[in-house]
């Protein structure tokens, strides 16, 4: 088995979907599972739908119609005959979503989020599966929620590996080309859950692990893993080979090419991961695997914007010790903050977090009850792996550095 994952950028329009078919013809699709994300910026559009559901019901229908129109444009470009069954299937899926909004009683934003945004993947895979069948690339559409089971930690669900392994092992047909959704799963009550933004890579790794796949290939609009994001850094270069350990470090610090959880199941079974360009599928791209040294050996730059730096000190100037730190982390966990940097001294504790769930104000109120609190919002976190003094000095030029932390291989700098 080989697992191919195509992200939203690769299937954002009819041209992209036709190119997906060309990639399959170029590299082959025997014993292949295709994992696909929502098309283009559909997840963002569905988040607008969700916002209207909670805050502006008068605009809800209009927001849903915007998503429908976007997909209808793609359908009309792919299928000449409007009587093709795919048109009714897509209408039905959006009716399901509309019915959910009409009948839902839950006020839980995270639960409603997962039930809503999951339709991006369900619609994209339904369209692509139908298109491939019309051009004689016969395939079987799978609902990932019947395979991948999780807890009910909505928006960042944890996989139930035992149940998932059983489901895939007992019901997966390896004899045909299969296509399924990234990002989505379901809990014990069969409510839809999601694996975190950009979680389609993780889905590919889950299937690879359970199927003992030969490899996973992530098809991107870049030639592979670069040592820096070219949107923010000049002269970004392609990394031809990366070890699992190095890739996990880069993903942890926020490298956007690989989802942080993707590498763990692949490493356990030593399944190689390839990141390749869907525009040039024959190019070698980047290989991630066991026992590989970084090639070429370059400093790697990662930038995370819109972070929050919180600095705490005891109101009575006492030491920040185990009891304080335990309480701090309990609150960070309660309010679902993703911690990206920690630094502490005798009387202060600083933490840089990603406010994914928008719980910052509630967290700060709790902190202020027991600590003196300083909060810097919308800061930028720069991480350099394999840094040297020259690149560090250049990065710091003309920046207001709020926090700096160095280890032997990594430096992290928080700036305004």
Protein backbone atom coordinates (compact mmCIF):
# COMPACT_ATOMS: atom_id res chain seq x y z
CA UNK A 1 0.00 0.00 0.00
CA UNK A 2 0.99 3.57 -0.69
CA UNK A 3 -0.82 6.53 0.82
CA UNK A 4 -1.17 9.77 -1.20
CA UNK A 5 -2.39 12.89 0.54
CA UNK A 6 -3.61 15.91 -1.44
CA UNK A 7 -4.15 19.17 0.42
CA UNK A 8 -6.67 21.93 -0.20
CA UNK A 9 -4.35 23.94 -2.44
CA UNK A 10 -3.95 20.99 -4.79
CA UNK A 11 -7.73 20.60 -5.33
CA UNK A 12 -8.88 24.22 -5.03
CA UNK A 13 -10.54 24.21 -8.49
CA UNK A 14 -11.37 21.97 -11.45
CA UNK A 15 -7.88 22.43 -12.89
CA UNK A 16 -6.37 21.15 -9.63
CA UNK A 17 -8.61 18.09 -9.58
CA UNK A 18 -7.71 17.30 -13.18
CA UNK A 19 -4.07 17.68 -12.22
CA UNK A 20 -4.60 15.19 -9.39
CA UNK A 21 -5.68 12.70 -12.04
CA UNK A 22 -2.55 13.51 -14.07
CA UNK A 23 -0.40 12.88 -11.00
CA UNK A 24 -2.05 9.47 -10.55
CA UNK A 25 -1.37 8.62 -14.20
CA UNK A 26 2.24 9.77 -13.83
CA UNK A 27 3.14 7.89 -10.63
CA UNK A 28 0.57 5.05 -10.70
CA UNK A 29 -2.35 4.25 -8.45
CA UNK A 30 -2.25 0.50 -7.87
CA UNK A 31 -2.57 -0.38 -4.16
CA UNK A 32 -3.12 3.26 -3.30
CA UNK A 33 -5.25 5.11 -0.76
CA UNK A 34 -5.87 8.80 -1.49
CA UNK A 35 -6.51 11.13 1.46
CA UNK A 36 -7.97 14.52 0.51
CA UNK A 37 -8.53 17.79 2.38
CA UNK A 38 -11.33 20.29 1.86
CA UNK A 39 -11.02 22.28 -1.37
CA UNK A 40 -9.11 25.55 -1.28
CA UNK A 41 -10.20 27.75 1.62
CA UNK A 42 -13.42 25.83 2.31
CA UNK A 43 -12.59 25.25 5.98
CA UNK A 44 -12.22 29.00 6.44
CA UNK A 45 -15.55 29.56 4.66
CA UNK A 46 -17.25 27.01 6.91
CA UNK A 47 -15.82 28.80 9.94
CA UNK A 48 -17.65 31.90 8.68
CA UNK A 49 -20.81 29.79 8.47
CA UNK A 50 -20.22 28.70 12.06
CA UNK A 51 -19.68 32.27 13.24
CA UNK A 52 -22.98 33.30 11.68
CA UNK A 53 -24.75 30.34 13.27
CA UNK A 54 -23.72 31.55 16.74
CA UNK A 55 -23.66 35.31 16.23
CA UNK A 56 -25.72 36.34 13.19
CA UNK A 57 -28.41 33.87 12.17
CA UNK A 58 -29.70 36.28 9.50
CA UNK A 59 -26.51 35.74 7.49
CA UNK A 60 -26.30 31.96 8.00
CA UNK A 61 -28.13 30.96 4.81
CA UNK A 62 -26.08 33.39 2.73
CA UNK A 63 -22.81 32.04 4.12
CA UNK A 64 -23.85 28.45 3.31
CA UNK A 65 -24.84 29.53 -0.20
CA UNK A 66 -21.35 30.97 -0.73
CA UNK A 67 -19.84 27.57 0.03
CA UNK A 68 -22.37 25.83 -2.24
CA UNK A 69 -21.68 28.24 -5.13
CA UNK A 70 -17.94 27.66 -4.85
CA UNK A 71 -18.37 23.90 -5.17
CA UNK A 72 -21.01 24.21 -7.90
CA UNK A 73 -18.54 26.16 -10.03
CA UNK A 74 -16.09 23.29 -9.71
CA UNK A 75 -18.81 20.74 -10.50
CA UNK A 76 -19.85 22.56 -13.66
CA UNK A 77 -16.24 22.69 -14.82
CA UNK A 78 -15.73 18.97 -14.21
CA UNK A 79 -19.03 17.44 -15.36
CA UNK A 80 -20.60 18.39 -18.68
CA UNK A 81 -23.91 16.68 -17.91
CA UNK A 82 -25.77 18.40 -15.07
CA UNK A 83 -27.94 15.30 -14.69
CA UNK A 84 -24.89 13.44 -13.36
CA UNK A 85 -25.73 11.95 -9.92
CA UNK A 86 -22.91 13.94 -8.31
CA UNK A 87 -25.00 17.12 -8.38
CA UNK A 88 -27.72 15.53 -6.25
CA UNK A 89 -25.14 14.01 -3.88
CA UNK A 90 -23.63 17.42 -3.17
CA UNK A 91 -27.06 19.01 -2.71
CA UNK A 92 -27.86 16.25 -0.22
CA UNK A 93 -24.65 16.82 1.76
CA UNK A 94 -25.33 20.54 2.12
CA UNK A 95 -28.94 19.77 3.08
CA UNK A 96 -27.55 17.55 5.85
CA UNK A 97 -25.52 20.49 7.12
CA UNK A 98 -28.50 22.82 6.96
CA UNK A 99 -30.65 20.27 8.81
CA UNK A 100 -28.01 19.98 11.51
CA UNK A 101 -28.21 23.73 12.16
CA UNK A 102 -32.00 23.53 12.36
CA UNK A 103 -32.05 20.65 14.85
CA UNK A 104 -28.90 21.17 16.92
CA UNK A 105 -29.49 21.87 20.61
CA UNK A 106 -25.90 21.91 21.80
CA UNK A 107 -24.35 25.26 22.79
CA UNK A 108 -20.85 23.74 22.72
CA UNK A 109 -18.93 25.70 20.09
CA UNK A 110 -16.25 23.03 19.68
CA UNK A 111 -18.81 20.27 19.11
CA UNK A 112 -20.70 22.35 16.54
CA UNK A 113 -17.39 23.30 14.92
CA UNK A 114 -16.53 19.68 14.18
CA UNK A 115 -20.00 18.83 12.88
CA UNK A 116 -19.77 21.84 10.53
CA UNK A 117 -16.27 22.02 9.07
CA UNK A 118 -16.15 18.27 8.38
CA UNK A 119 -18.43 18.84 5.38
CA UNK A 120 -15.51 20.40 3.53
CA UNK A 121 -13.76 17.02 3.37
CA UNK A 122 -16.96 15.05 2.76
CA UNK A 123 -17.86 17.24 -0.22
CA UNK A 124 -14.36 17.36 -1.73
CA UNK A 125 -13.84 13.60 -1.66
CA UNK A 126 -17.33 12.94 -3.04
CA UNK A 127 -16.65 15.23 -6.01
CA UNK A 128 -13.15 13.89 -6.68
CA UNK A 129 -14.24 10.25 -6.39
CA UNK A 130 -17.04 10.84 -8.91
CA UNK A 131 -14.74 12.67 -11.32
CA UNK A 132 -12.09 9.94 -11.22
CA UNK A 133 -14.75 7.32 -11.94
CA UNK A 134 -15.94 9.29 -15.00
CA UNK A 135 -12.41 9.26 -16.48
CA UNK A 136 -12.03 5.53 -15.82
CA UNK A 137 -9.90 5.75 -12.70
CA UNK A 138 -12.19 3.44 -10.79
CA UNK A 139 -12.19 4.01 -7.04
CA UNK A 140 -14.06 3.34 -3.84
CA UNK A 141 -15.21 6.26 -1.62
CA UNK A 142 -14.68 5.66 2.10
CA UNK A 143 -16.04 7.56 5.08
CA UNK A 144 -13.01 8.05 7.36
CA UNK A 145 -15.34 8.37 10.35
CA UNK A 146 -16.19 4.68 10.11
CA UNK A 147 -12.50 3.81 10.42
CA UNK A 148 -10.82 6.41 12.62
CA UNK A 149 -12.26 6.49 16.13
CA UNK A 150 -11.38 9.06 18.76
CA UNK A 151 -12.37 10.57 22.08
CA UNK A 152 -14.68 13.59 22.15
CA UNK A 153 -12.00 16.25 22.51
CA UNK A 154 -13.60 18.27 19.74
CA UNK A 155 -11.34 20.19 17.35
CA UNK A 156 -8.24 18.25 18.49
CA UNK A 157 -9.40 14.70 19.05
CA UNK A 158 -7.15 11.91 20.32
CA UNK A 159 -7.19 8.72 18.27
CA UNK A 160 -8.40 5.46 19.78
CA UNK A 161 -5.71 3.36 18.14
CA UNK A 162 -7.08 -0.03 19.14
CA UNK A 163 -10.55 0.62 17.70
CA UNK A 164 -9.10 2.34 14.63
CA UNK A 165 -6.72 -0.53 13.91
CA UNK A 166 -9.58 -3.04 14.23
CA UNK A 167 -11.88 -1.05 11.93
CA UNK A 168 -9.30 -0.61 9.19
CA UNK A 169 -7.97 -4.16 9.40
CA UNK A 170 -11.41 -5.75 9.17
CA UNK A 171 -13.07 -3.58 6.52
CA UNK A 172 -10.44 -2.10 4.21
CA UNK A 173 -10.32 -3.44 0.65
CA UNK A 174 -6.74 -3.21 -0.64
CA UNK A 175 -7.67 -4.49 -4.10
CA UNK A 176 -9.10 -1.19 -5.33
CA UNK A 177 -8.12 2.47 -5.37
CA UNK A 178 -9.68 4.05 -2.29
CA UNK A 179 -10.34 7.71 -1.55
CA UNK A 180 -11.15 9.12 1.87
CA UNK A 181 -11.19 12.32 3.91
CA UNK A 182 -8.38 13.78 5.91
CA UNK A 183 -8.91 15.60 9.20
CA UNK A 184 -12.11 13.87 10.35
CA UNK A 185 -12.94 10.99 12.69
CA UNK A 186 -15.76 10.05 15.07
CA UNK A 187 -16.21 9.38 18.77
CA UNK A 188 -17.85 6.46 20.56
CA UNK A 189 -21.30 7.98 19.92
CA UNK A 190 -20.51 8.41 16.21
CA UNK A 191 -20.44 12.19 16.44
CA UNK A 192 -17.92 13.71 14.07
CA UNK A 193 -14.61 14.83 15.56
CA UNK A 194 -11.61 16.50 13.93
CA UNK A 195 -7.90 15.96 14.43
CA UNK A 196 -6.79 19.61 14.45
CA UNK A 197 -6.22 22.07 11.62
CA UNK A 198 -4.05 20.60 8.88
CA UNK A 199 -4.88 17.17 10.30
CA UNK A 200 -5.17 15.49 6.89
CA UNK A 201 -1.45 14.63 7.01
CA UNK A 202 -2.11 12.87 10.31
CA UNK A 203 -4.97 10.92 8.73
CA UNK A 204 -2.60 9.67 6.04
CA UNK A 205 -0.16 8.54 8.73
CA UNK A 206 -2.91 6.77 10.70
CA UNK A 207 -3.93 4.74 7.66
CA UNK A 208 -0.28 4.06 6.80
CA UNK A 209 0.36 2.71 10.28
CA UNK A 210 -2.74 0.51 10.34
CA UNK A 211 -2.19 -0.80 6.80
CA UNK A 212 1.60 -1.27 7.15
CA UNK A 213 2.00 0.96 4.12
CA UNK A 214 5.16 1.12 2.05
CA UNK A 215 5.23 4.92 2.13
CA UNK A 216 3.24 8.13 2.51
CA UNK A 217 3.47 10.94 -0.05
CA UNK A 218 2.15 14.41 0.68
CA UNK A 219 1.53 16.35 -2.53
CA UNK A 220 2.09 20.08 -2.07
CA UNK A 221 2.39 23.27 -4.11
CA UNK A 222 6.07 23.49 -3.09
CA UNK A 223 8.95 21.27 -4.28
CA UNK A 224 9.33 19.69 -0.83
CA UNK A 225 10.37 20.80 2.65
CA UNK A 226 12.24 24.09 2.49
CA UNK A 227 14.58 25.39 5.17
CA UNK A 228 12.36 28.48 5.51
CA UNK A 229 8.97 29.78 4.44
CA UNK A 230 9.66 31.82 1.27
CA UNK A 231 6.82 34.19 2.18
CA UNK A 232 8.86 35.48 5.12
CA UNK A 233 12.49 34.54 4.44
CA UNK A 234 14.69 35.11 1.40
CA UNK A 235 16.63 32.41 -0.45
CA UNK A 236 14.74 29.41 0.94
CA UNK A 237 16.34 26.12 -0.12
CA UNK A 238 15.00 22.59 -0.60
CA UNK A 239 15.92 20.01 2.01
CA UNK A 240 16.40 16.73 0.15
CA UNK A 241 16.54 14.45 3.19
CA UNK A 242 15.47 14.78 6.82
CA UNK A 243 15.49 12.31 9.70
CA UNK A 244 12.29 11.55 11.59
CA UNK A 245 13.77 13.25 14.65
CA UNK A 246 14.62 16.44 12.78
CA UNK A 247 11.23 16.54 11.08
CA UNK A 248 9.48 16.10 14.45
CA UNK A 249 11.51 18.99 15.86
CA UNK A 250 10.61 21.22 12.88
CA UNK A 251 6.94 20.24 13.09
CA UNK A 252 6.83 20.85 16.84
CA UNK A 253 8.22 24.34 16.40
CA UNK A 254 5.62 25.13 13.76
CA UNK A 255 6.95 24.19 10.32
CA UNK A 256 3.77 24.23 8.24
CA UNK A 257 4.71 21.58 5.68
CA UNK A 258 4.28 18.63 8.08
CA UNK A 259 1.57 18.23 10.71
CA UNK A 260 3.18 17.68 14.16
CA UNK A 261 1.39 14.37 14.87
CA UNK A 262 2.04 12.90 11.43
CA UNK A 263 5.53 11.61 12.06
CA UNK A 264 4.95 9.65 15.27
CA UNK A 265 3.04 6.68 13.80
CA UNK A 266 5.30 6.63 10.73
CA UNK A 267 8.43 6.52 12.87
CA UNK A 268 7.10 3.62 14.94
CA UNK A 269 6.91 1.42 11.84
CA UNK A 270 9.75 3.15 9.92
CA UNK A 271 7.45 4.13 7.06
CA UNK A 272 9.15 6.76 4.88
CA UNK A 273 7.40 10.05 4.19
CA UNK A 274 7.82 11.96 0.93
CA UNK A 275 6.84 15.57 0.36
CA UNK A 276 6.56 16.26 -3.36
CA UNK A 277 5.25 18.85 -5.78
CA UNK A 278 1.93 18.09 -7.45
CA UNK A 279 3.12 20.33 -10.30
CA UNK A 280 6.25 18.23 -10.90
CA UNK A 281 5.37 14.74 -9.64
CA UNK A 282 8.47 13.08 -11.07
CA UNK A 283 10.83 15.26 -9.03
CA UNK A 284 12.30 13.62 -5.93
CA UNK A 285 11.09 16.20 -3.38
CA UNK A 286 12.00 15.60 0.27
CA UNK A 287 12.38 12.22 1.96
CA UNK A 288 11.82 11.82 5.70
CA UNK A 289 13.06 8.57 7.17
CA UNK A 290 15.17 6.68 9.68
CA UNK A 291 18.90 7.30 10.05
CA UNK A 292 19.01 10.15 7.54
CA UNK A 293 21.19 13.18 8.13
CA UNK A 294 19.95 16.63 7.18
CA UNK A 295 20.80 17.22 3.51
CA UNK A 296 21.92 19.90 2.90
CA UNK A 297 22.94 20.87 6.43
CA UNK A 298 21.45 24.37 6.68
CA UNK A 299 19.91 26.57 9.37
CA UNK A 300 16.13 26.05 9.34
CA UNK A 301 13.85 29.01 10.06
CA UNK A 302 10.29 28.87 11.40
CA UNK A 303 7.98 31.81 12.07
CA UNK A 304 4.74 31.65 14.04
CA UNK A 305 2.70 34.84 14.11
CA UNK A 306 -0.16 35.92 16.37
CA UNK A 307 1.24 34.25 19.48
CA UNK A 308 0.75 35.44 23.08
CA UNK A 309 3.57 35.97 25.59
CA UNK A 310 2.44 35.79 29.24
CA UNK A 311 4.85 36.65 32.07
CA UNK A 312 3.92 35.79 35.67
CA UNK A 313 5.46 36.61 39.03
CA UNK A 314 4.23 35.96 42.56
CA UNK A 315 2.34 38.83 44.16
CA UNK A 316 4.55 38.57 47.27
CA UNK A 317 7.80 38.21 45.29
CA UNK A 318 8.23 34.64 46.48
CA UNK A 319 9.96 32.03 44.37
CA UNK A 320 8.18 30.42 41.42
CA UNK A 321 8.56 26.78 42.44
CA UNK A 322 6.91 23.43 41.81
CA UNK A 323 3.52 24.28 43.34
CA UNK A 324 3.21 27.46 41.29
CA UNK A 325 4.37 25.83 38.08
CA UNK A 326 1.96 22.90 38.59
CA UNK A 327 -0.93 25.32 39.00
CA UNK A 328 0.14 27.33 35.94
CA UNK A 329 0.20 24.27 33.73
CA UNK A 330 -3.12 23.05 35.07
CA UNK A 331 -4.71 26.32 33.98
CA UNK A 332 -2.96 26.22 30.60
CA UNK A 333 -4.40 22.75 30.09
CA UNK A 334 -7.86 23.76 31.28
CA UNK A 335 -8.00 26.62 28.77
CA UNK A 336 -6.49 24.50 25.97
CA UNK A 337 -3.46 26.68 25.34
CA UNK A 338 -0.78 25.26 23.06
CA UNK A 339 2.53 26.04 24.78
CA UNK A 340 5.38 26.87 22.41
CA UNK A 341 8.07 28.38 24.69
CA UNK A 342 8.70 28.22 28.45
CA UNK A 343 11.23 30.26 30.42
CA UNK A 344 11.49 30.74 34.16
CA UNK A 345 13.74 32.38 36.74
CA UNK A 346 13.63 32.43 40.53
CA UNK A 347 10.69 34.86 40.73
CA UNK A 348 9.17 34.86 37.23
CA UNK A 349 7.68 32.46 34.72
CA UNK A 350 7.14 33.29 31.04
CA UNK A 351 5.22 31.21 28.54
CA UNK A 352 4.48 31.81 24.87
CA UNK A 353 1.22 30.22 23.79
CA UNK A 354 -0.97 29.77 20.74
CA UNK A 355 -4.50 30.87 21.68
CA UNK A 356 -6.17 28.34 19.36
CA UNK A 357 -9.45 28.13 21.27
CA UNK A 358 -9.76 31.87 22.06
CA UNK A 359 -9.75 31.32 25.82
CA UNK A 360 -7.08 33.90 26.61
CA UNK A 361 -9.17 36.40 28.57
CA UNK A 362 -10.60 33.75 30.89
CA UNK A 363 -7.10 32.36 31.46
CA UNK A 364 -5.70 35.81 32.29
CA UNK A 365 -8.47 36.42 34.83
CA UNK A 366 -7.49 33.21 36.63
CA UNK A 367 -3.80 34.11 36.55
CA UNK A 368 -4.44 37.63 37.91
CA UNK A 369 -6.08 36.19 41.01
CA UNK A 370 -2.73 34.77 42.15
CA UNK A 371 0.02 36.35 40.08
CA UNK A 372 1.27 39.63 38.76
CA UNK A 373 0.61 39.30 35.03
CA UNK A 374 2.10 40.92 31.93
CA UNK A 375 0.61 39.93 28.59
CA UNK A 376 1.89 40.73 25.10
CA UNK A 377 -0.56 39.81 22.35
CA UNK A 378 0.12 39.31 18.62
CA UNK A 379 3.82 38.61 19.10
CA UNK A 380 5.96 36.68 16.62
CA UNK A 381 7.95 33.58 17.54
CA UNK A 382 11.08 32.86 15.50
CA UNK A 383 12.73 29.47 15.80
CA UNK A 384 16.05 28.60 14.18
CA UNK A 385 17.31 25.03 14.12
CA UNK A 386 21.09 24.62 13.57
CA UNK A 387 21.66 28.33 14.02
CA UNK A 388 24.96 30.17 13.91
CA UNK A 389 25.92 33.60 15.19
CA UNK A 390 25.65 35.26 11.78
CA UNK A 391 22.04 34.18 11.10
CA UNK A 392 21.07 34.96 14.71
CA UNK A 393 22.47 38.48 14.52
CA UNK A 394 20.74 39.09 11.19
CA UNK A 395 17.41 37.87 12.53
CA UNK A 396 17.59 40.09 15.61
CA UNK A 397 18.38 43.27 13.67
CA UNK A 398 15.65 45.93 13.99
CA UNK A 399 13.45 43.75 16.21
CA UNK A 400 12.22 44.32 19.74
CA UNK A 401 13.18 41.07 21.47
CA UNK A 402 10.92 40.19 24.43
CA UNK A 403 12.29 36.72 25.12
CA UNK A 404 15.26 34.72 23.88
CA UNK A 405 16.14 31.11 24.62
CA UNK A 406 19.07 29.13 23.31
CA UNK A 407 20.00 25.46 23.38
CA UNK A 408 22.82 23.74 21.53
CA UNK A 409 20.79 23.23 18.34
CA UNK A 410 17.85 25.63 18.64
CA UNK A 411 17.24 29.28 19.38
CA UNK A 412 13.78 30.80 19.96
CA UNK A 413 13.08 34.53 19.94
CA UNK A 414 9.79 36.26 20.76
CA UNK A 415 9.46 39.70 19.20
CA UNK A 416 6.87 42.43 18.80
